[in-house]
Amino acid sequence: MLLEGLEVAFIVITFGSTQGRIWLAVVGAAAALVLVAGVGLAVRAPLARVPENTMKFAVGIMLTTFGTFWAARGLARTGRAKIYRCWACLPS
């Protein structure tokens, strides 16, 4: 949970600093950190009942799908692939 919150904070601050609004980015990062911590605490008990291997499998599928989509998207920008080919990789 801490890793996800820090990841969101770094992303928000990075985007805010490139736009020259670092103060707004810091406020957004703090709000995101509080939100992620709150959601983590709220879903802690229900997630404890899910078998660990099932959760790892579901997260693995989501990460693989996400990575495949964005890799195909990046290739489509260079003209080497078509984005519709990636949809065959998505789980049904």
PDB file of N, CA and C in Angstrom:
ATOM      1  N   MET A   1       0.821  -1.180   0.000  1.00  0.00           N
ATOM      2  CA  MET A   1       0.000   0.000   0.000  1.00  0.00           C
ATOM      3  C   MET A   1       0.874   1.255   0.000  1.00  0.00           C
ATOM      4  N   LEU A   2       1.928   1.239   0.773  1.00  0.00           N
ATOM      5  CA  LEU A   2       2.818   2.397   0.839  1.00  0.00           C
ATOM      6  C   LEU A   2       3.479   2.657  -0.515  1.00  0.00           C
ATOM      7  N   LEU A   3       3.879   1.591  -1.174  1.00  0.00           N
ATOM      8  CA  LEU A   3       4.533   1.739  -2.476  1.00  0.00           C
ATOM      9  C   LEU A   3       3.615   2.392  -3.500  1.00  0.00           C
ATOM     10  N   GLU A   4       2.348   1.970  -3.531  1.00  0.00           N
ATOM     11  CA  GLU A   4       1.401   2.557  -4.480  1.00  0.00           C
ATOM     12  C   GLU A   4       1.161   4.030  -4.178  1.00  0.00           C
ATOM     13  N   GLY A   5       1.040   4.364  -2.909  1.00  0.00           N
ATOM     14  CA  GLY A   5       0.837   5.759  -2.525  1.00  0.00           C
ATOM     15  C   GLY A   5       2.018   6.638  -2.910  1.00  0.00           C
ATOM     16  N   LEU A   6       3.231   6.140  -2.677  1.00  0.00           N
ATOM     17  CA  LEU A   6       4.416   6.903  -3.064  1.00  0.00           C
ATOM     18  C   LEU A   6       4.532   7.019  -4.579  1.00  0.00           C
ATOM     19  N   GLU A   7       4.165   5.969  -5.275  1.00  0.00           N
ATOM     20  CA  GLU A   7       4.200   6.005  -6.734  1.00  0.00           C
ATOM     21  C   GLU A   7       3.265   7.080  -7.283  1.00  0.00           C
ATOM     22  N   VAL A   8       2.063   7.134  -6.755  1.00  0.00           N
ATOM     23  CA  VAL A   8       1.105   8.159  -7.180  1.00  0.00           C
ATOM     24  C   VAL A   8       1.645   9.549  -6.851  1.00  0.00           C
ATOM     25  N   ALA A   9       2.213   9.710  -5.661  1.00  0.00           N
ATOM     26  CA  ALA A   9       2.748  11.011  -5.271  1.00  0.00           C
ATOM     27  C   ALA A   9       3.868  11.460  -6.204  1.00  0.00           C
ATOM     28  N   PHE A  10       4.783  10.552  -6.539  1.00  0.00           N
ATOM     29  CA  PHE A  10       5.874  10.910  -7.450  1.00  0.00           C
ATOM     30  C   PHE A  10       5.364  11.279  -8.835  1.00  0.00           C
ATOM     31  N   ILE A  11       4.390  10.546  -9.330  1.00  0.00           N
ATOM     32  CA  ILE A  11       3.844  10.844 -10.654  1.00  0.00           C
ATOM     33  C   ILE A  11       3.172  12.215 -10.672  1.00  0.00           C
ATOM     34  N   VAL A  12       2.369  12.486  -9.649  1.00  0.00           N
ATOM     35  CA  VAL A  12       1.652  13.767  -9.588  1.00  0.00           C
ATOM     36  C   VAL A  12       2.634  14.930  -9.463  1.00  0.00           C
ATOM     37  N   ILE A  13       3.644  14.782  -8.625  1.00  0.00           N
ATOM     38  CA  ILE A  13       4.624  15.861  -8.457  1.00  0.00           C
ATOM     39  C   ILE A  13       5.423  16.068  -9.741  1.00  0.00           C
ATOM     40  N   THR A  14       5.762  14.980 -10.423  1.00  0.00           N
ATOM     41  CA  THR A  14       6.508  15.108 -11.681  1.00  0.00           C
ATOM     42  C   THR A  14       5.709  15.867 -12.726  1.00  0.00           C
ATOM     43  N   PHE A  15       4.445  15.502 -12.901  1.00  0.00           N
ATOM     44  CA  PHE A  15       3.618  16.208 -13.880  1.00  0.00           C
ATOM     45  C   PHE A  15       3.400  17.657 -13.473  1.00  0.00           C
ATOM     46  N   GLY A  16       3.201  17.899 -12.194  1.00  0.00           N
ATOM     47  CA  GLY A  16       2.999  19.272 -11.737  1.00  0.00           C
ATOM     48  C   GLY A  16       4.227  20.138 -11.907  1.00  0.00           C
ATOM     49  N   SER A  17       5.406  19.561 -11.668  1.00  0.00           N
ATOM     50  CA  SER A  17       6.628  20.358 -11.789  1.00  0.00           C
ATOM     51  C   SER A  17       6.935  20.698 -13.246  1.00  0.00           C
ATOM     52  N   THR A  18       6.558  19.833 -14.171  1.00  0.00           N
ATOM     53  CA  THR A  18       6.792  20.159 -15.581  1.00  0.00           C
ATOM     54  C   THR A  18       5.861  21.255 -16.065  1.00  0.00           C
ATOM     55  N   GLN A  19       4.741  21.449 -15.386  1.00  0.00           N
ATOM     56  CA  GLN A  19       3.805  22.506 -15.751  1.00  0.00           C
ATOM     57  C   GLN A  19       4.067  23.799 -14.976  1.00  0.00           C
ATOM     58  N   GLY A  20       5.036  23.773 -14.075  1.00  0.00           N
ATOM     59  CA  GLY A  20       5.356  24.964 -13.300  1.00  0.00           C
ATOM     60  C   GLY A  20       4.398  25.221 -12.153  1.00  0.00           C
ATOM     61  N   ARG A  21       3.660  24.224 -11.732  1.00  0.00           N
ATOM     62  CA  ARG A  21       2.703  24.367 -10.621  1.00  0.00           C
ATOM     63  C   ARG A  21       3.033  23.355  -9.530  1.00  0.00           C
ATOM     64  N   ILE A  22       4.212  23.477  -8.972  1.00  0.00           N
ATOM     65  CA  ILE A  22       4.672  22.494  -7.990  1.00  0.00           C
ATOM     66  C   ILE A  22       3.806  22.510  -6.729  1.00  0.00           C
ATOM     67  N   TRP A  23       3.314  23.654  -6.318  1.00  0.00           N
ATOM     68  CA  TRP A  23       2.488  23.723  -5.109  1.00  0.00           C
ATOM     69  C   TRP A  23       1.187  22.961  -5.293  1.00  0.00           C
ATOM     70  N   LEU A  24       0.594  23.084  -6.469  1.00  0.00           N
ATOM     71  CA  LEU A  24      -0.636  22.355  -6.756  1.00  0.00           C
ATOM     72  C   LEU A  24      -0.361  20.847  -6.833  1.00  0.00           C
ATOM     73  N   ALA A  25       0.800  20.485  -7.367  1.00  0.00           N
ATOM     74  CA  ALA A  25       1.177  19.074  -7.453  1.00  0.00           C
ATOM     75  C   ALA A  25       1.399  18.475  -6.072  1.00  0.00           C
ATOM     76  N   VAL A  26       1.993  19.238  -5.170  1.00  0.00           N
ATOM     77  CA  VAL A  26       2.215  18.739  -3.803  1.00  0.00           C
ATOM     78  C   VAL A  26       0.886  18.518  -3.094  1.00  0.00           C
ATOM     79  N   VAL A  27      -0.054  19.430  -3.273  1.00  0.00           N
ATOM     80  CA  VAL A  27      -1.388  19.267  -2.679  1.00  0.00           C
ATOM     81  C   VAL A  27      -2.080  18.041  -3.278  1.00  0.00           C
ATOM     82  N   GLY A  28      -1.981  17.873  -4.581  1.00  0.00           N
ATOM     83  CA  GLY A  28      -2.574  16.709  -5.234  1.00  0.00           C
ATOM     84  C   GLY A  28      -1.929  15.408  -4.788  1.00  0.00           C
ATOM     85  N   ALA A  29      -0.609  15.417  -4.622  1.00  0.00           N
ATOM     86  CA  ALA A  29       0.099  14.218  -4.167  1.00  0.00           C
ATOM     87  C   ALA A  29      -0.294  13.863  -2.738  1.00  0.00           C
ATOM     88  N   ALA A  30      -0.431  14.861  -1.886  1.00  0.00           N
ATOM     89  CA  ALA A  30      -0.856  14.599  -0.504  1.00  0.00           C
ATOM     90  C   ALA A  30      -2.268  14.042  -0.468  1.00  0.00           C
ATOM     91  N   ALA A  31      -3.148  14.599  -1.288  1.00  0.00           N
ATOM     92  CA  ALA A  31      -4.526  14.090  -1.348  1.00  0.00           C
ATOM     93  C   ALA A  31      -4.550  12.652  -1.872  1.00  0.00           C
ATOM     94  N   ALA A  32      -3.741  12.371  -2.875  1.00  0.00           N
ATOM     95  CA  ALA A  32      -3.681  11.003  -3.421  1.00  0.00           C
ATOM     96  C   ALA A  32      -3.133  10.035  -2.389  1.00  0.00           C
ATOM     97  N   LEU A  33      -2.141  10.451  -1.628  1.00  0.00           N
ATOM     98  CA  LEU A  33      -1.562   9.601  -0.601  1.00  0.00           C
ATOM     99  C   LEU A  33      -2.591   9.268   0.476  1.00  0.00           C
ATOM    100  N   VAL A  34      -3.344  10.275   0.895  1.00  0.00           N
ATOM    101  CA  VAL A  34      -4.392  10.053   1.900  1.00  0.00           C
ATOM    102  C   VAL A  34      -5.485   9.144   1.336  1.00  0.00           C
ATOM    103  N   LEU A  35      -5.867   9.357   0.093  1.00  0.00           N
ATOM    104  CA  LEU A  35      -6.906   8.537  -0.534  1.00  0.00           C
ATOM    105  C   LEU A  35      -6.478   7.073  -0.652  1.00  0.00           C
ATOM    106  N   VAL A  36      -5.258   6.839  -1.115  1.00  0.00           N
ATOM    107  CA  VAL A  36      -4.765   5.462  -1.256  1.00  0.00           C
ATOM    108  C   VAL A  36      -4.664   4.780   0.108  1.00  0.00           C
ATOM    109  N   ALA A  37      -4.205   5.505   1.120  1.00  0.00           N
ATOM    110  CA  ALA A  37      -4.129   4.934   2.470  1.00  0.00           C
ATOM    111  C   ALA A  37      -5.515   4.602   3.003  1.00  0.00           C
ATOM    112  N   GLY A  38      -6.474   5.485   2.761  1.00  0.00           N
ATOM    113  CA  GLY A  38      -7.846   5.233   3.214  1.00  0.00           C
ATOM    114  C   GLY A  38      -8.472   4.032   2.530  1.00  0.00           C
ATOM    115  N   VAL A  39      -8.276   3.924   1.231  1.00  0.00           N
ATOM    116  CA  VAL A  39      -8.817   2.773   0.499  1.00  0.00           C
ATOM    117  C   VAL A  39      -8.132   1.488   0.963  1.00  0.00           C
ATOM    118  N   GLY A  40      -6.828   1.558   1.181  1.00  0.00           N
ATOM    119  CA  GLY A  40      -6.088   0.388   1.669  1.00  0.00           C
ATOM    120  C   GLY A  40      -6.604  -0.095   3.006  1.00  0.00           C
ATOM    121  N   LEU A  41      -6.877   0.819   3.896  1.00  0.00           N
ATOM    122  CA  LEU A  41      -7.425   0.432   5.201  1.00  0.00           C
ATOM    123  C   LEU A  41      -8.849  -0.108   5.085  1.00  0.00           C
ATOM    124  N   ALA A  42      -9.621   0.449   4.161  1.00  0.00           N
ATOM    125  CA  ALA A  42     -11.013   0.023   4.003  1.00  0.00           C
ATOM    126  C   ALA A  42     -11.132  -1.378   3.420  1.00  0.00           C
ATOM    127  N   VAL A  43     -10.242  -1.742   2.515  1.00  0.00           N
ATOM    128  CA  VAL A  43     -10.356  -3.042   1.846  1.00  0.00           C
ATOM    129  C   VAL A  43      -9.415  -4.102   2.428  1.00  0.00           C
ATOM    130  N   ARG A  44      -8.745  -3.765   3.503  1.00  0.00           N
ATOM    131  CA  ARG A  44      -7.804  -4.712   4.105  1.00  0.00           C
ATOM    132  C   ARG A  44      -8.479  -5.994   4.577  1.00  0.00           C
ATOM    133  N   ALA A  45      -9.576  -5.883   5.273  1.00  0.00           N
ATOM    134  CA  ALA A  45     -10.257  -7.071   5.805  1.00  0.00           C
ATOM    135  C   ALA A  45     -10.856  -7.940   4.685  1.00  0.00           C
ATOM    136  N   PRO A  46     -11.591  -7.366   3.711  1.00  0.00           N
ATOM    137  CA  PRO A  46     -12.122  -8.226   2.647  1.00  0.00           C
ATOM    138  C   PRO A  46     -11.022  -8.892   1.815  1.00  0.00           C
ATOM    139  N   LEU A  47      -9.930  -8.184   1.567  1.00  0.00           N
ATOM    140  CA  LEU A  47      -8.853  -8.771   0.772  1.00  0.00           C
ATOM    141  C   LEU A  47      -8.109  -9.867   1.520  1.00  0.00           C
ATOM    142  N   ALA A  48      -8.154  -9.840   2.836  1.00  0.00           N
ATOM    143  CA  ALA A  48      -7.494 -10.885   3.629  1.00  0.00           C
ATOM    144  C   ALA A  48      -8.167 -12.237   3.419  1.00  0.00           C
ATOM    145  N   ARG A  49      -9.433 -12.245   3.013  1.00  0.00           N
ATOM    146  CA  ARG A  49     -10.155 -13.503   2.790  1.00  0.00           C
ATOM    147  C   ARG A  49      -9.902 -14.100   1.408  1.00  0.00           C
ATOM    148  N   VAL A  50      -9.309 -13.328   0.501  1.00  0.00           N
ATOM    149  CA  VAL A  50      -9.029 -13.825  -0.850  1.00  0.00           C
ATOM    150  C   VAL A  50      -7.735 -14.637  -0.794  1.00  0.00           C
ATOM    151  N   PRO A  51      -7.715 -15.839  -1.386  1.00  0.00           N
ATOM    152  CA  PRO A  51      -6.477 -16.626  -1.398  1.00  0.00           C
ATOM    153  C   PRO A  51      -5.343 -15.864  -2.091  1.00  0.00           C
ATOM    154  N   GLU A  52      -4.156 -15.985  -1.523  1.00  0.00           N
ATOM    155  CA  GLU A  52      -3.015 -15.208  -2.004  1.00  0.00           C
ATOM    156  C   GLU A  52      -2.676 -15.523  -3.463  1.00  0.00           C
ATOM    157  N   ASN A  53      -2.699 -16.802  -3.835  1.00  0.00           N
ATOM    158  CA  ASN A  53      -2.358 -17.159  -5.219  1.00  0.00           C
ATOM    159  C   ASN A  53      -3.378 -16.615  -6.215  1.00  0.00           C
ATOM    160  N   THR A  54      -4.642 -16.593  -5.842  1.00  0.00           N
ATOM    161  CA  THR A  54      -5.678 -16.035  -6.707  1.00  0.00           C
ATOM    162  C   THR A  54      -5.441 -14.547  -6.933  1.00  0.00           C
ATOM    163  N   MET A  55      -5.090 -13.846  -5.860  1.00  0.00           N
ATOM    164  CA  MET A  55      -4.837 -12.413  -5.979  1.00  0.00           C
ATOM    165  C   MET A  55      -3.596 -12.147  -6.834  1.00  0.00           C
ATOM    166  N   LYS A  56      -2.549 -12.943  -6.641  1.00  0.00           N
ATOM    167  CA  LYS A  56      -1.335 -12.773  -7.444  1.00  0.00           C
ATOM    168  C   LYS A  56      -1.618 -13.033  -8.922  1.00  0.00           C
ATOM    169  N   PHE A  57      -2.432 -14.044  -9.199  1.00  0.00           N
ATOM    170  CA  PHE A  57      -2.783 -14.360 -10.579  1.00  0.00           C
ATOM    171  C   PHE A  57      -3.559 -13.213 -11.224  1.00  0.00           C
ATOM    172  N   ALA A  58      -4.537 -12.673 -10.505  1.00  0.00           N
ATOM    173  CA  ALA A  58      -5.348 -11.571 -11.041  1.00  0.00           C
ATOM    174  C   ALA A  58      -4.492 -10.329 -11.283  1.00  0.00           C
ATOM    175  N   VAL A  59      -3.614 -10.019 -10.348  1.00  0.00           N
ATOM    176  CA  VAL A  59      -2.735  -8.858 -10.517  1.00  0.00           C
ATOM    177  C   VAL A  59      -1.773  -9.079 -11.674  1.00  0.00           C
ATOM    178  N   GLY A  60      -1.274 -10.285 -11.818  1.00  0.00           N
ATOM    179  CA  GLY A  60      -0.384 -10.599 -12.938  1.00  0.00           C
ATOM    180  C   GLY A  60      -1.061 -10.425 -14.282  1.00  0.00           C
ATOM    181  N   ILE A  61      -2.313 -10.869 -14.382  1.00  0.00           N
ATOM    182  CA  ILE A  61      -3.066 -10.693 -15.631  1.00  0.00           C
ATOM    183  C   ILE A  61      -3.270  -9.210 -15.931  1.00  0.00           C
ATOM    184  N   MET A  62      -3.628  -8.441 -14.905  1.00  0.00           N
ATOM    185  CA  MET A  62      -3.842  -7.010 -15.124  1.00  0.00           C
ATOM    186  C   MET A  62      -2.559  -6.307 -15.558  1.00  0.00           C
ATOM    187  N   LEU A  63      -1.438  -6.616 -14.910  1.00  0.00           N
ATOM    188  CA  LEU A  63      -0.174  -5.970 -15.264  1.00  0.00           C
ATOM    189  C   LEU A  63       0.294  -6.370 -16.657  1.00  0.00           C
ATOM    190  N   THR A  64       0.120  -7.635 -17.003  1.00  0.00           N
ATOM    191  CA  THR A  64       0.507  -8.090 -18.335  1.00  0.00           C
ATOM    192  C   THR A  64      -0.347  -7.423 -19.405  1.00  0.00           C
ATOM    193  N   THR A  65      -1.648  -7.331 -19.173  1.00  0.00           N
ATOM    194  CA  THR A  65      -2.543  -6.687 -20.123  1.00  0.00           C
ATOM    195  C   THR A  65      -2.198  -5.206 -20.277  1.00  0.00           C
ATOM    196  N   PHE A  66      -1.960  -4.549 -19.160  1.00  0.00           N
ATOM    197  CA  PHE A  66      -1.610  -3.133 -19.175  1.00  0.00           C
ATOM    198  C   PHE A  66      -0.317  -2.911 -19.949  1.00  0.00           C
ATOM    199  N   GLY A  67       0.705  -3.714 -19.660  1.00  0.00           N
ATOM    200  CA  GLY A  67       1.982  -3.572 -20.350  1.00  0.00           C
ATOM    201  C   GLY A  67       1.886  -3.877 -21.832  1.00  0.00           C
ATOM    202  N   THR A  68       1.132  -4.908 -22.182  1.00  0.00           N
ATOM    203  CA  THR A  68       0.970  -5.267 -23.588  1.00  0.00           C
ATOM    204  C   THR A  68       0.242  -4.164 -24.349  1.00  0.00           C
ATOM    205  N   PHE A  69      -0.794  -3.616 -23.728  1.00  0.00           N
ATOM    206  CA  PHE A  69      -1.541  -2.542 -24.369  1.00  0.00           C
ATOM    207  C   PHE A  69      -0.648  -1.349 -24.663  1.00  0.00           C
ATOM    208  N   TRP A  70       0.103  -0.897 -23.660  1.00  0.00           N
ATOM    209  CA  TRP A  70       0.918   0.292 -23.861  1.00  0.00           C
ATOM    210  C   TRP A  70       2.118   0.031 -24.760  1.00  0.00           C
ATOM    211  N   ALA A  71       2.637  -1.191 -24.762  1.00  0.00           N
ATOM    212  CA  ALA A  71       3.712  -1.521 -25.702  1.00  0.00           C
ATOM    213  C   ALA A  71       3.188  -1.462 -27.131  1.00  0.00           C
ATOM    214  N   ALA A  72       2.008  -2.020 -27.360  1.00  0.00           N
ATOM    215  CA  ALA A  72       1.413  -1.967 -28.702  1.00  0.00           C
ATOM    216  C   ALA A  72       1.066  -0.534 -29.077  1.00  0.00           C
ATOM    217  N   ARG A  73       0.633   0.214 -28.102  1.00  0.00           N
ATOM    218  CA  ARG A  73       0.307   1.618 -28.359  1.00  0.00           C
ATOM    219  C   ARG A  73       1.558   2.397 -28.780  1.00  0.00           C
ATOM    220  N   GLY A  74       2.664   2.120 -28.104  1.00  0.00           N
ATOM    221  CA  GLY A  74       3.919   2.770 -28.464  1.00  0.00           C
ATOM    222  C   GLY A  74       4.399   2.363 -29.837  1.00  0.00           C
ATOM    223  N   LEU A  75       4.241   1.086 -30.175  1.00  0.00           N
ATOM    224  CA  LEU A  75       4.631   0.632 -31.506  1.00  0.00           C
ATOM    225  C   LEU A  75       3.739   1.240 -32.580  1.00  0.00           C
ATOM    226  N   ALA A  76       2.471   1.447 -32.272  1.00  0.00           N
ATOM    227  CA  ALA A  76       1.546   2.036 -33.241  1.00  0.00           C
ATOM    228  C   ALA A  76       1.949   3.469 -33.573  1.00  0.00           C
ATOM    229  N   ARG A  77       2.500   4.173 -32.620  1.00  0.00           N
ATOM    230  CA  ARG A  77       2.940   5.546 -32.873  1.00  0.00           C
ATOM    231  C   ARG A  77       4.109   5.592 -33.838  1.00  0.00           C
ATOM    232  N   THR A  78       4.910   4.539 -33.830  1.00  0.00           N
ATOM    233  CA  THR A  78       6.053   4.513 -34.746  1.00  0.00           C
ATOM    234  C   THR A  78       5.673   3.899 -36.081  1.00  0.00           C
ATOM    235  N   GLY A  79       4.449   3.415 -36.219  1.00  0.00           N
ATOM    236  CA  GLY A  79       3.984   2.853 -37.466  1.00  0.00           C
ATOM    237  C   GLY A  79       4.353   1.394 -37.652  1.00  0.00           C
ATOM    238  N   ARG A  80       4.844   0.738 -36.592  1.00  0.00           N
ATOM    239  CA  ARG A  80       5.274  -0.656 -36.708  1.00  0.00           C
ATOM    240  C   ARG A  80       4.180  -1.654 -36.380  1.00  0.00           C
ATOM    241  N   ALA A  81       3.102  -1.213 -35.775  1.00  0.00           N
ATOM    242  CA  ALA A  81       2.030  -2.146 -35.397  1.00  0.00           C
ATOM    243  C   ALA A  81       0.714  -1.386 -35.390  1.00  0.00           C
ATOM    244  N   LYS A  82      -0.351  -2.119 -35.442  1.00  0.00           N
ATOM    245  CA  LYS A  82      -1.676  -1.526 -35.346  1.00  0.00           C
ATOM    246  C   LYS A  82      -2.235  -1.791 -33.949  1.00  0.00           C
ATOM    247  N   ILE A  83      -2.915  -0.801 -33.405  1.00  0.00           N
ATOM    248  CA  ILE A  83      -3.407  -0.913 -32.036  1.00  0.00           C
ATOM    249  C   ILE A  83      -4.438  -2.021 -31.875  1.00  0.00           C
ATOM    250  N   TYR A  84      -5.202  -2.322 -32.911  1.00  0.00           N
ATOM    251  CA  TYR A  84      -6.237  -3.342 -32.772  1.00  0.00           C
ATOM    252  C   TYR A  84      -5.655  -4.731 -32.563  1.00  0.00           C
ATOM    253  N   ARG A  85      -4.416  -4.957 -32.926  1.00  0.00           N
ATOM    254  CA  ARG A  85      -3.785  -6.264 -32.703  1.00  0.00           C
ATOM    255  C   ARG A  85      -3.610  -6.559 -31.224  1.00  0.00           C
ATOM    256  N   CYS A  86      -3.496  -5.520 -30.422  1.00  0.00           N
ATOM    257  CA  CYS A  86      -3.288  -5.700 -28.989  1.00  0.00           C
ATOM    258  C   CYS A  86      -4.526  -6.261 -28.301  1.00  0.00           C
ATOM    259  N   TRP A  87      -5.706  -5.972 -28.816  1.00  0.00           N
ATOM    260  CA  TRP A  87      -6.933  -6.406 -28.144  1.00  0.00           C
ATOM    261  C   TRP A  87      -7.053  -7.927 -28.079  1.00  0.00           C
ATOM    262  N   ALA A  88      -6.330  -8.636 -28.930  1.00  0.00           N
ATOM    263  CA  ALA A  88      -6.339 -10.099 -28.867  1.00  0.00           C
ATOM    264  C   ALA A  88      -5.639 -10.585 -27.601  1.00  0.00           C
ATOM    265  N   CYS A  89      -4.800  -9.742 -26.988  1.00  0.00           N
ATOM    266  CA  CYS A  89      -4.068 -10.137 -25.780  1.00  0.00           C
ATOM    267  C   CYS A  89      -4.878  -9.943 -24.512  1.00  0.00           C
ATOM    268  N   LEU A  90      -5.964  -9.194 -24.572  1.00  0.00           N
ATOM    269  CA  LEU A  90      -6.757  -8.920 -23.393  1.00  0.00           C
ATOM    270  C   LEU A  90      -7.508 -10.163 -22.958  1.00  0.00           C
ATOM    271  N   PRO A  91      -7.566 -10.407 -21.642  1.00  0.00           N
ATOM    272  CA  PRO A  91      -8.309 -11.577 -21.176  1.00  0.00           C
ATOM    273  C   PRO A  91      -9.815 -11.367 -21.346  1.00  0.00           C
ATOM    274  N   SER A  92     -10.515 -12.436 -21.593  1.00  0.00           N
ATOM    275  CA  SER A  92     -11.960 -12.344 -21.809  1.00  0.00           C
ATOM    276  C   SER A  92     -12.702 -12.344 -20.501  1.00  0.00           C
TER     277      SER A  92
END
